[in-house]
Amino acid sequence: MGVVEKFRKLPISIMILHISGKFLFGVGLGALLASYLHRYDWQLWGWIIIVIAVLTQIPGAYKALKK
């Protein structure tokens, strides 16, 4: 069974957490990139968003890769 099929069999709540975690990771990277390009003070918020994103992706990845 492939990884894609394992993710398809996950409950909807875990799938939503996993997808929203990926979205938040992208937002955090965007905030970091904007802070480096424009010299704004968004670096701390970018890292906080990335840490939250990684924490929300853990349950989905754990359940999918455990089986």
N, C-alpha and C. Protein backbone atom coordinates (compact mmCIF):
# COMPACT_ATOMS: atom_id res chain seq x y z
N MET A 1 0.85 -1.18 0.00
CA MET A 1 0.00 0.00 0.00
C MET A 1 0.89 1.24 0.00
N GLY A 2 0.62 2.15 -0.90
CA GLY A 2 1.42 3.35 -1.02
C GLY A 2 1.04 4.41 -0.01
N VAL A 3 1.86 5.42 0.07
CA VAL A 3 1.63 6.50 1.02
C VAL A 3 0.36 7.27 0.67
N VAL A 4 0.08 7.43 -0.62
CA VAL A 4 -1.11 8.17 -1.03
C VAL A 4 -2.37 7.44 -0.58
N GLU A 5 -2.39 6.14 -0.70
CA GLU A 5 -3.56 5.37 -0.27
C GLU A 5 -3.71 5.41 1.25
N LYS A 6 -2.60 5.45 1.98
CA LYS A 6 -2.68 5.57 3.43
C LYS A 6 -3.30 6.90 3.83
N PHE A 7 -2.92 7.97 3.13
CA PHE A 7 -3.50 9.27 3.44
C PHE A 7 -4.98 9.33 3.06
N ARG A 8 -5.37 8.63 2.02
CA ARG A 8 -6.79 8.63 1.63
C ARG A 8 -7.66 7.94 2.66
N LYS A 9 -7.10 7.01 3.41
CA LYS A 9 -7.88 6.28 4.41
C LYS A 9 -7.91 6.97 5.76
N LEU A 10 -7.26 8.11 5.89
CA LEU A 10 -7.28 8.85 7.16
C LEU A 10 -8.65 9.46 7.41
N PRO A 11 -9.01 9.66 8.69
CA PRO A 11 -10.26 10.38 8.99
C PRO A 11 -10.19 11.83 8.49
N ILE A 12 -11.34 12.39 8.22
CA ILE A 12 -11.43 13.73 7.66
C ILE A 12 -10.79 14.76 8.59
N SER A 13 -10.97 14.63 9.90
CA SER A 13 -10.40 15.62 10.83
C SER A 13 -8.87 15.62 10.78
N ILE A 14 -8.27 14.46 10.68
CA ILE A 14 -6.81 14.38 10.59
C ILE A 14 -6.35 14.94 9.24
N MET A 15 -7.09 14.66 8.19
CA MET A 15 -6.74 15.17 6.87
C MET A 15 -6.80 16.70 6.84
N ILE A 16 -7.81 17.28 7.48
CA ILE A 16 -7.93 18.74 7.54
C ILE A 16 -6.77 19.34 8.32
N LEU A 17 -6.38 18.70 9.43
CA LEU A 17 -5.22 19.17 10.19
C LEU A 17 -3.96 19.13 9.34
N HIS A 18 -3.78 18.08 8.58
CA HIS A 18 -2.59 17.92 7.77
C HIS A 18 -2.53 18.98 6.66
N ILE A 19 -3.65 19.20 6.00
CA ILE A 19 -3.70 20.19 4.92
C ILE A 19 -3.53 21.61 5.46
N SER A 20 -4.18 21.91 6.58
CA SER A 20 -4.04 23.25 7.15
C SER A 20 -2.62 23.47 7.67
N GLY A 21 -1.96 22.42 8.13
CA GLY A 21 -0.57 22.55 8.54
C GLY A 21 0.33 22.90 7.37
N LYS A 22 0.08 22.28 6.24
CA LYS A 22 0.87 22.61 5.04
C LYS A 22 0.61 24.05 4.60
N PHE A 23 -0.63 24.50 4.70
CA PHE A 23 -0.96 25.87 4.34
C PHE A 23 -0.25 26.85 5.28
N LEU A 24 -0.29 26.58 6.58
CA LEU A 24 0.37 27.45 7.54
C LEU A 24 1.88 27.48 7.33
N PHE A 25 2.45 26.35 6.94
CA PHE A 25 3.88 26.30 6.65
C PHE A 25 4.22 27.24 5.49
N GLY A 26 3.38 27.25 4.47
CA GLY A 26 3.59 28.15 3.35
C GLY A 26 3.45 29.60 3.75
N VAL A 27 2.49 29.90 4.62
CA VAL A 27 2.32 31.27 5.10
C VAL A 27 3.54 31.70 5.91
N GLY A 28 4.04 30.80 6.75
CA GLY A 28 5.23 31.12 7.54
C GLY A 28 6.45 31.37 6.68
N LEU A 29 6.63 30.53 5.65
CA LEU A 29 7.75 30.76 4.74
C LEU A 29 7.59 32.07 3.99
N GLY A 30 6.37 32.40 3.63
CA GLY A 30 6.12 33.68 2.96
C GLY A 30 6.44 34.86 3.86
N ALA A 31 6.09 34.75 5.14
CA ALA A 31 6.41 35.82 6.09
C ALA A 31 7.91 35.96 6.26
N LEU A 32 8.62 34.83 6.31
CA LEU A 32 10.08 34.91 6.42
C LEU A 32 10.70 35.53 5.18
N LEU A 33 10.22 35.12 4.02
CA LEU A 33 10.75 35.67 2.78
C LEU A 33 10.48 37.17 2.69
N ALA A 34 9.28 37.59 3.08
CA ALA A 34 8.95 39.02 3.05
C ALA A 34 9.83 39.80 4.03
N SER A 35 10.12 39.21 5.18
CA SER A 35 10.95 39.92 6.15
C SER A 35 12.38 40.06 5.66
N TYR A 36 12.89 39.06 4.96
CA TYR A 36 14.26 39.15 4.46
C TYR A 36 14.36 40.10 3.26
N LEU A 37 13.32 40.16 2.45
CA LEU A 37 13.37 41.01 1.27
C LEU A 37 13.11 42.48 1.57
N HIS A 38 12.23 42.75 2.52
CA HIS A 38 11.81 44.13 2.77
C HIS A 38 12.27 44.67 4.12
N ARG A 39 13.04 43.90 4.84
CA ARG A 39 13.60 44.33 6.13
C ARG A 39 12.53 44.64 7.17
N TYR A 40 11.39 43.95 7.11
CA TYR A 40 10.37 44.11 8.14
C TYR A 40 10.69 43.21 9.32
N ASP A 41 10.04 43.45 10.43
CA ASP A 41 10.30 42.67 11.63
C ASP A 41 9.28 41.53 11.75
N TRP A 42 9.21 40.68 10.73
CA TRP A 42 8.27 39.55 10.71
C TRP A 42 8.97 38.22 10.94
N GLN A 43 10.26 38.23 11.22
CA GLN A 43 11.00 36.98 11.33
C GLN A 43 10.48 36.11 12.47
N LEU A 44 10.22 36.71 13.62
CA LEU A 44 9.72 35.94 14.76
C LEU A 44 8.37 35.33 14.44
N TRP A 45 7.47 36.09 13.84
CA TRP A 45 6.14 35.56 13.51
C TRP A 45 6.23 34.47 12.46
N GLY A 46 7.14 34.61 11.52
CA GLY A 46 7.32 33.57 10.51
C GLY A 46 7.74 32.26 11.13
N TRP A 47 8.68 32.31 12.06
CA TRP A 47 9.13 31.08 12.72
C TRP A 47 8.05 30.50 13.61
N ILE A 48 7.28 31.34 14.28
CA ILE A 48 6.18 30.84 15.13
C ILE A 48 5.13 30.13 14.27
N ILE A 49 4.79 30.70 13.13
CA ILE A 49 3.81 30.08 12.23
C ILE A 49 4.34 28.75 11.71
N ILE A 50 5.62 28.68 11.38
CA ILE A 50 6.19 27.43 10.88
C ILE A 50 6.17 26.35 11.97
N VAL A 51 6.47 26.71 13.21
CA VAL A 51 6.43 25.72 14.30
C VAL A 51 5.02 25.22 14.52
N ILE A 52 4.03 26.10 14.48
CA ILE A 52 2.63 25.69 14.62
C ILE A 52 2.23 24.76 13.47
N ALA A 53 2.69 25.07 12.27
CA ALA A 53 2.38 24.24 11.11
C ALA A 53 2.96 22.84 11.25
N VAL A 54 4.19 22.76 11.71
CA VAL A 54 4.81 21.44 11.88
C VAL A 54 4.08 20.65 12.96
N LEU A 55 3.68 21.31 14.03
CA LEU A 55 2.95 20.61 15.10
C LEU A 55 1.58 20.11 14.65
N THR A 56 0.92 20.84 13.76
CA THR A 56 -0.39 20.38 13.28
C THR A 56 -0.27 19.26 12.25
N GLN A 57 0.90 19.10 11.64
CA GLN A 57 1.07 18.03 10.65
C GLN A 57 1.47 16.70 11.29
N ILE A 58 1.90 16.71 12.53
CA ILE A 58 2.39 15.50 13.17
C ILE A 58 1.33 14.40 13.28
N PRO A 59 0.09 14.67 13.73
CA PRO A 59 -0.87 13.56 13.87
C PRO A 59 -1.19 12.85 12.55
N GLY A 60 -1.36 13.61 11.48
CA GLY A 60 -1.66 12.99 10.19
C GLY A 60 -0.51 12.16 9.66
N ALA A 61 0.69 12.69 9.77
CA ALA A 61 1.85 11.95 9.29
C ALA A 61 2.09 10.71 10.14
N TYR A 62 1.87 10.81 11.43
CA TYR A 62 2.07 9.67 12.32
C TYR A 62 1.10 8.54 11.99
N LYS A 63 -0.18 8.90 11.82
CA LYS A 63 -1.17 7.86 11.52
C LYS A 63 -0.98 7.24 10.15
N ALA A 64 -0.58 8.05 9.19
CA ALA A 64 -0.41 7.52 7.83
C ALA A 64 0.83 6.65 7.72
N LEU A 65 1.89 7.04 8.38
CA LEU A 65 3.13 6.30 8.25
C LEU A 65 3.25 5.15 9.25
N LYS A 66 2.40 5.13 10.27
CA LYS A 66 2.42 4.06 11.27
C LYS A 66 1.91 2.75 10.72
N LYS A 67 0.91 2.80 9.86
CA LYS A 67 0.27 1.58 9.35
C LYS A 67 1.17 0.79 8.45
